[in-house]
Amino acid sequence: MSHLSTARAWLLAACGCLPLAALADVTVSGVKYDAAADVRGTRLQLNGAGIRYYGPFKVYAAGLYLGRKAGTPEEAFATPGGKRISVTMLREIDAAELGKLFTRGVESNMEKGSFARLIPGLMR
């Protein structure tokens, strides 16, 4: 999968677990996300943070940083400049299971045609 496809897939997955609006530092399940982050000299703001669940189990916490606020994945993709996704695992999980969960998260946040084009890269 290309670097851009990988970044896009992570962004899609993270957008699916970002229900909290960020006006200040946010703590999600013990993971602190600062209100802003500097990425290569650019100040990004926390767009949101949340938890990805698998059934009743917390799998990971994620925070999405953008140059300006976005309300949808499409707006996040269209936001110019750098982007950062900070992911912290909340439980031990083997790589195969994480891959399945990640793929499902991406699939549930994309149109089927777009997801179909990513399948070869996601399966690696």
N, C-alpha and C. Protein backbone atom coordinates (compact mmCIF):
# COMPACT_ATOMS: atom_id res chain seq x y z
N MET A 1 0.85 -1.16 0.00
CA MET A 1 0.00 0.00 0.00
C MET A 1 0.90 1.22 0.00
N SER A 2 0.59 2.22 -0.79
CA SER A 2 1.40 3.43 -0.83
C SER A 2 1.26 4.19 0.47
N HIS A 3 2.22 5.10 0.71
CA HIS A 3 2.19 5.93 1.92
C HIS A 3 0.88 6.71 1.99
N LEU A 4 0.42 7.26 0.87
CA LEU A 4 -0.82 8.03 0.83
C LEU A 4 -2.01 7.15 1.13
N SER A 5 -2.06 5.95 0.57
CA SER A 5 -3.17 5.03 0.83
C SER A 5 -3.19 4.61 2.30
N THR A 6 -2.02 4.37 2.87
CA THR A 6 -1.94 4.01 4.28
C THR A 6 -2.45 5.15 5.15
N ALA A 7 -2.01 6.37 4.86
CA ALA A 7 -2.46 7.53 5.63
C ALA A 7 -3.97 7.71 5.49
N ARG A 8 -4.48 7.56 4.30
CA ARG A 8 -5.92 7.70 4.07
C ARG A 8 -6.70 6.64 4.85
N ALA A 9 -6.20 5.41 4.85
CA ALA A 9 -6.89 4.34 5.56
C ALA A 9 -6.91 4.62 7.07
N TRP A 10 -5.78 5.06 7.63
CA TRP A 10 -5.75 5.39 9.05
C TRP A 10 -6.68 6.55 9.36
N LEU A 11 -6.71 7.55 8.50
CA LEU A 11 -7.58 8.69 8.72
C LEU A 11 -9.04 8.26 8.72
N LEU A 12 -9.41 7.40 7.80
CA LEU A 12 -10.79 6.89 7.76
C LEU A 12 -11.13 6.12 9.02
N ALA A 13 -10.23 5.26 9.43
CA ALA A 13 -10.49 4.47 10.64
C ALA A 13 -10.61 5.36 11.86
N ALA A 14 -9.74 6.35 11.96
CA ALA A 14 -9.77 7.25 13.11
C ALA A 14 -11.02 8.10 13.13
N CYS A 15 -11.47 8.55 11.98
CA CYS A 15 -12.68 9.37 11.93
C CYS A 15 -13.88 8.62 12.46
N GLY A 16 -13.85 7.31 12.35
CA GLY A 16 -14.96 6.51 12.85
C GLY A 16 -15.03 6.45 14.36
N CYS A 17 -13.99 6.89 15.05
CA CYS A 17 -14.02 6.81 16.51
C CYS A 17 -13.73 8.16 17.15
N LEU A 18 -14.15 9.24 16.50
CA LEU A 18 -13.83 10.56 17.01
C LEU A 18 -15.07 11.38 17.37
N PRO A 19 -15.82 10.99 18.37
CA PRO A 19 -17.04 11.71 18.69
C PRO A 19 -16.86 12.95 19.54
N LEU A 20 -15.72 13.13 20.17
CA LEU A 20 -15.56 14.23 21.10
C LEU A 20 -15.01 15.48 20.42
N ALA A 21 -15.68 16.61 20.61
CA ALA A 21 -15.16 17.87 20.09
C ALA A 21 -14.03 18.32 21.00
N ALA A 22 -13.01 18.92 20.42
CA ALA A 22 -11.84 19.31 21.20
C ALA A 22 -11.76 20.82 21.34
N LEU A 23 -12.01 21.32 22.53
CA LEU A 23 -11.83 22.73 22.82
C LEU A 23 -10.64 22.92 23.73
N ALA A 24 -10.20 21.85 24.37
CA ALA A 24 -9.07 21.87 25.29
C ALA A 24 -8.46 20.47 25.25
N ASP A 25 -7.47 20.26 26.13
CA ASP A 25 -6.92 18.91 26.23
C ASP A 25 -8.05 17.94 26.53
N VAL A 26 -7.94 16.74 25.99
CA VAL A 26 -8.97 15.72 26.17
C VAL A 26 -8.29 14.45 26.68
N THR A 27 -8.92 13.79 27.65
CA THR A 27 -8.44 12.50 28.12
C THR A 27 -9.48 11.45 27.77
N VAL A 28 -9.06 10.42 27.07
CA VAL A 28 -9.94 9.34 26.63
C VAL A 28 -9.38 8.04 27.20
N SER A 29 -10.11 7.44 28.10
CA SER A 29 -9.72 6.16 28.69
C SER A 29 -8.28 6.20 29.21
N GLY A 30 -7.93 7.30 29.86
CA GLY A 30 -6.60 7.45 30.44
C GLY A 30 -5.53 7.95 29.49
N VAL A 31 -5.86 8.14 28.22
CA VAL A 31 -4.90 8.65 27.23
C VAL A 31 -5.18 10.13 27.03
N LYS A 32 -4.16 10.97 27.26
CA LYS A 32 -4.33 12.42 27.13
C LYS A 32 -3.95 12.88 25.73
N TYR A 33 -4.84 13.66 25.13
CA TYR A 33 -4.58 14.29 23.84
C TYR A 33 -4.54 15.79 24.05
N ASP A 34 -3.39 16.39 23.72
CA ASP A 34 -3.25 17.83 23.84
C ASP A 34 -4.18 18.54 22.86
N ALA A 35 -4.59 19.75 23.21
CA ALA A 35 -5.49 20.53 22.35
C ALA A 35 -4.85 20.86 21.02
N ALA A 36 -3.52 20.90 20.98
CA ALA A 36 -2.82 21.23 19.74
C ALA A 36 -1.51 20.45 19.68
N ALA A 37 -0.99 20.30 18.47
CA ALA A 37 0.29 19.62 18.25
C ALA A 37 1.04 20.35 17.16
N ASP A 38 2.36 20.41 17.30
CA ASP A 38 3.19 21.00 16.25
C ASP A 38 3.74 19.87 15.39
N VAL A 39 3.48 19.96 14.10
CA VAL A 39 3.96 18.97 13.14
C VAL A 39 4.75 19.70 12.07
N ARG A 40 6.05 19.46 12.05
CA ARG A 40 6.94 20.10 11.07
C ARG A 40 6.74 21.61 11.00
N GLY A 41 6.65 22.23 12.18
CA GLY A 41 6.53 23.68 12.25
C GLY A 41 5.13 24.22 12.03
N THR A 42 4.15 23.36 11.87
CA THR A 42 2.76 23.78 11.68
C THR A 42 1.95 23.39 12.90
N ARG A 43 1.16 24.33 13.39
CA ARG A 43 0.31 24.08 14.56
C ARG A 43 -0.99 23.43 14.09
N LEU A 44 -1.26 22.22 14.59
CA LEU A 44 -2.50 21.52 14.28
C LEU A 44 -3.36 21.49 15.54
N GLN A 45 -4.68 21.50 15.36
CA GLN A 45 -5.57 21.44 16.51
C GLN A 45 -6.25 20.08 16.57
N LEU A 46 -6.55 19.67 17.79
CA LEU A 46 -7.24 18.40 17.99
C LEU A 46 -8.65 18.53 17.44
N ASN A 47 -8.96 17.74 16.44
CA ASN A 47 -10.29 17.76 15.84
C ASN A 47 -11.25 16.90 16.66
N GLY A 48 -10.74 15.82 17.24
CA GLY A 48 -11.56 14.94 18.06
C GLY A 48 -10.75 13.76 18.53
N ALA A 49 -11.30 13.05 19.51
CA ALA A 49 -10.65 11.87 20.05
C ALA A 49 -11.72 10.90 20.50
N GLY A 50 -11.40 9.63 20.46
CA GLY A 50 -12.38 8.64 20.88
C GLY A 50 -11.77 7.27 21.00
N ILE A 51 -12.62 6.30 21.25
CA ILE A 51 -12.19 4.93 21.48
C ILE A 51 -12.81 4.03 20.43
N ARG A 52 -12.04 3.10 19.93
CA ARG A 52 -12.55 2.06 19.03
C ARG A 52 -12.82 0.83 19.90
N TYR A 53 -14.05 0.36 19.83
CA TYR A 53 -14.46 -0.83 20.59
C TYR A 53 -14.58 -2.03 19.66
N TYR A 54 -14.34 -3.19 20.21
CA TYR A 54 -14.64 -4.45 19.55
C TYR A 54 -15.53 -5.19 20.53
N GLY A 55 -16.84 -5.16 20.28
CA GLY A 55 -17.79 -5.67 21.27
C GLY A 55 -17.67 -4.80 22.51
N PRO A 56 -17.54 -5.42 23.69
CA PRO A 56 -17.42 -4.63 24.92
C PRO A 56 -15.98 -4.20 25.22
N PHE A 57 -15.03 -4.58 24.38
CA PHE A 57 -13.62 -4.35 24.67
C PHE A 57 -13.11 -3.07 24.01
N LYS A 58 -12.39 -2.27 24.78
CA LYS A 58 -11.71 -1.10 24.25
C LYS A 58 -10.44 -1.58 23.55
N VAL A 59 -10.28 -1.23 22.28
CA VAL A 59 -9.13 -1.70 21.51
C VAL A 59 -8.06 -0.62 21.45
N TYR A 60 -8.43 0.59 21.02
CA TYR A 60 -7.46 1.68 20.98
C TYR A 60 -8.16 3.01 21.13
N ALA A 61 -7.38 3.99 21.56
CA ALA A 61 -7.84 5.38 21.60
C ALA A 61 -7.12 6.09 20.46
N ALA A 62 -7.82 7.03 19.83
CA ALA A 62 -7.21 7.76 18.71
C ALA A 62 -7.58 9.23 18.80
N GLY A 63 -6.64 10.07 18.42
CA GLY A 63 -6.87 11.51 18.33
C GLY A 63 -6.49 11.97 16.93
N LEU A 64 -7.31 12.83 16.35
CA LEU A 64 -7.07 13.35 15.00
C LEU A 64 -6.75 14.83 15.08
N TYR A 65 -5.60 15.22 14.54
CA TYR A 65 -5.17 16.61 14.52
C TYR A 65 -5.19 17.13 13.09
N LEU A 66 -5.80 18.31 12.90
CA LEU A 66 -5.90 18.94 11.58
C LEU A 66 -5.57 20.43 11.69
N GLY A 67 -5.34 21.05 10.55
CA GLY A 67 -5.08 22.48 10.52
C GLY A 67 -6.30 23.31 10.86
N ARG A 68 -7.48 22.78 10.57
CA ARG A 68 -8.75 23.43 10.93
C ARG A 68 -9.79 22.35 11.19
N LYS A 69 -10.83 22.71 11.90
CA LYS A 69 -11.87 21.74 12.28
C LYS A 69 -12.55 21.14 11.05
N ALA A 70 -12.90 19.87 11.16
CA ALA A 70 -13.64 19.16 10.12
C ALA A 70 -14.71 18.32 10.80
N GLY A 71 -15.88 18.24 10.17
CA GLY A 71 -16.98 17.49 10.74
C GLY A 71 -17.22 16.13 10.10
N THR A 72 -16.61 15.89 8.95
CA THR A 72 -16.80 14.63 8.24
C THR A 72 -15.45 14.15 7.72
N PRO A 73 -15.34 12.85 7.39
CA PRO A 73 -14.08 12.38 6.80
C PRO A 73 -13.73 13.14 5.52
N GLU A 74 -14.74 13.47 4.71
CA GLU A 74 -14.47 14.21 3.46
C GLU A 74 -13.86 15.58 3.76
N GLU A 75 -14.39 16.27 4.77
CA GLU A 75 -13.83 17.56 5.16
C GLU A 75 -12.40 17.39 5.68
N ALA A 76 -12.16 16.32 6.43
CA ALA A 76 -10.82 16.08 6.96
C ALA A 76 -9.83 15.85 5.83
N PHE A 77 -10.22 15.05 4.83
CA PHE A 77 -9.34 14.82 3.68
C PHE A 77 -9.06 16.10 2.92
N ALA A 78 -10.07 16.97 2.83
CA ALA A 78 -9.93 18.21 2.07
C ALA A 78 -9.16 19.28 2.82
N THR A 79 -8.96 19.11 4.10
CA THR A 79 -8.24 20.10 4.89
C THR A 79 -6.80 20.18 4.38
N PRO A 80 -6.36 21.38 3.98
CA PRO A 80 -4.99 21.49 3.47
C PRO A 80 -3.96 21.33 4.58
N GLY A 81 -2.76 20.97 4.19
CA GLY A 81 -1.66 20.89 5.14
C GLY A 81 -1.55 19.55 5.83
N GLY A 82 -0.74 19.55 6.88
CA GLY A 82 -0.46 18.32 7.59
C GLY A 82 -1.63 17.81 8.40
N LYS A 83 -1.56 16.54 8.71
CA LYS A 83 -2.55 15.86 9.54
C LYS A 83 -1.79 14.89 10.44
N ARG A 84 -2.34 14.65 11.61
CA ARG A 84 -1.71 13.68 12.51
C ARG A 84 -2.80 12.83 13.14
N ILE A 85 -2.55 11.53 13.20
CA ILE A 85 -3.41 10.62 13.94
C ILE A 85 -2.53 10.00 15.02
N SER A 86 -2.95 10.15 16.25
CA SER A 86 -2.24 9.56 17.37
C SER A 86 -3.07 8.39 17.88
N VAL A 87 -2.50 7.18 17.83
CA VAL A 87 -3.21 5.96 18.22
C VAL A 87 -2.46 5.32 19.38
N THR A 88 -3.21 4.99 20.44
CA THR A 88 -2.65 4.30 21.60
C THR A 88 -3.46 3.03 21.83
N MET A 89 -2.79 1.90 21.79
CA MET A 89 -3.47 0.62 22.02
C MET A 89 -3.88 0.54 23.49
N LEU A 90 -5.09 0.04 23.74
CA LEU A 90 -5.62 -0.09 25.09
C LEU A 90 -5.64 -1.53 25.58
N ARG A 91 -5.29 -2.46 24.71
CA ARG A 91 -5.23 -3.87 25.09
C ARG A 91 -4.23 -4.57 24.18
N GLU A 92 -3.73 -5.68 24.67
CA GLU A 92 -2.83 -6.47 23.82
C GLU A 92 -3.67 -7.17 22.78
N ILE A 93 -3.17 -7.15 21.57
CA ILE A 93 -3.90 -7.77 20.46
C ILE A 93 -2.87 -8.22 19.44
N ASP A 94 -3.08 -9.38 18.85
CA ASP A 94 -2.10 -9.85 17.88
C ASP A 94 -2.29 -9.11 16.55
N ALA A 95 -1.27 -9.14 15.75
CA ALA A 95 -1.25 -8.37 14.50
C ALA A 95 -2.38 -8.76 13.56
N ALA A 96 -2.70 -10.05 13.47
CA ALA A 96 -3.76 -10.49 12.56
C ALA A 96 -5.11 -9.92 12.99
N GLU A 97 -5.39 -9.96 14.28
CA GLU A 97 -6.66 -9.43 14.78
C GLU A 97 -6.72 -7.91 14.59
N LEU A 98 -5.61 -7.22 14.87
CA LEU A 98 -5.58 -5.77 14.66
C LEU A 98 -5.83 -5.45 13.19
N GLY A 99 -5.23 -6.23 12.30
CA GLY A 99 -5.45 -6.02 10.87
C GLY A 99 -6.91 -6.17 10.48
N LYS A 100 -7.57 -7.19 11.03
CA LYS A 100 -9.00 -7.39 10.74
C LYS A 100 -9.83 -6.23 11.27
N LEU A 101 -9.56 -5.80 12.50
CA LEU A 101 -10.31 -4.69 13.08
C LEU A 101 -10.09 -3.40 12.30
N PHE A 102 -8.83 -3.18 11.91
CA PHE A 102 -8.51 -1.98 11.15
C PHE A 102 -9.24 -1.99 9.81
N THR A 103 -9.21 -3.13 9.13
CA THR A 103 -9.88 -3.25 7.83
C THR A 103 -11.38 -3.01 7.97
N ARG A 104 -11.99 -3.59 9.00
CA ARG A 104 -13.43 -3.36 9.22
C ARG A 104 -13.72 -1.90 9.50
N GLY A 105 -12.86 -1.25 10.27
CA GLY A 105 -13.05 0.17 10.57
C GLY A 105 -12.97 1.03 9.32
N VAL A 106 -12.02 0.72 8.46
CA VAL A 106 -11.90 1.46 7.20
C VAL A 106 -13.13 1.20 6.34
N GLU A 107 -13.52 -0.06 6.22
CA GLU A 107 -14.66 -0.43 5.37
C GLU A 107 -15.94 0.27 5.81
N SER A 108 -16.15 0.37 7.12
CA SER A 108 -17.39 0.97 7.60
C SER A 108 -17.42 2.49 7.43
N ASN A 109 -16.30 3.08 7.03
CA ASN A 109 -16.24 4.53 6.86
C ASN A 109 -15.97 4.94 5.41
N MET A 110 -16.20 4.04 4.47
CA MET A 110 -15.94 4.33 3.06
C MET A 110 -17.08 3.81 2.20
N GLU A 111 -17.17 4.38 1.01
CA GLU A 111 -18.07 3.82 0.01
C GLU A 111 -17.47 2.50 -0.46
N LYS A 112 -18.33 1.56 -0.81
CA LYS A 112 -17.85 0.22 -1.19
C LYS A 112 -16.85 0.26 -2.35
N GLY A 113 -17.09 1.09 -3.36
CA GLY A 113 -16.18 1.17 -4.49
C GLY A 113 -14.80 1.64 -4.09
N SER A 114 -14.75 2.64 -3.20
CA SER A 114 -13.46 3.14 -2.73
C SER A 114 -12.74 2.09 -1.91
N PHE A 115 -13.48 1.39 -1.06
CA PHE A 115 -12.87 0.35 -0.23
C PHE A 115 -12.32 -0.78 -1.09
N ALA A 116 -13.05 -1.16 -2.12
CA ALA A 116 -12.61 -2.26 -2.99
C ALA A 116 -11.24 -1.97 -3.59
N ARG A 117 -10.97 -0.70 -3.92
CA ARG A 117 -9.66 -0.34 -4.49
C ARG A 117 -8.54 -0.45 -3.46
N LEU A 118 -8.86 -0.35 -2.17
CA LEU A 118 -7.84 -0.43 -1.12
C LEU A 118 -7.53 -1.85 -0.67
N ILE A 119 -8.41 -2.80 -0.99
CA ILE A 119 -8.27 -4.17 -0.47
C ILE A 119 -6.88 -4.76 -0.70
N PRO A 120 -6.29 -4.68 -1.90
CA PRO A 120 -4.96 -5.29 -2.07
C PRO A 120 -3.92 -4.74 -1.09
N GLY A 121 -3.93 -3.44 -0.86
CA GLY A 121 -2.98 -2.85 0.07
C GLY A 121 -3.28 -3.20 1.51
N LEU A 122 -4.55 -3.29 1.87
CA LEU A 122 -4.92 -3.63 3.24
C LEU A 122 -4.59 -5.07 3.59
N MET A 123 -4.57 -5.94 2.59
CA MET A 123 -4.32 -7.35 2.85
C MET A 123 -2.84 -7.65 3.05
N ARG A 124 -1.96 -6.71 2.74
CA ARG A 124 -0.53 -6.94 2.93
C ARG A 124 -0.15 -6.94 4.38
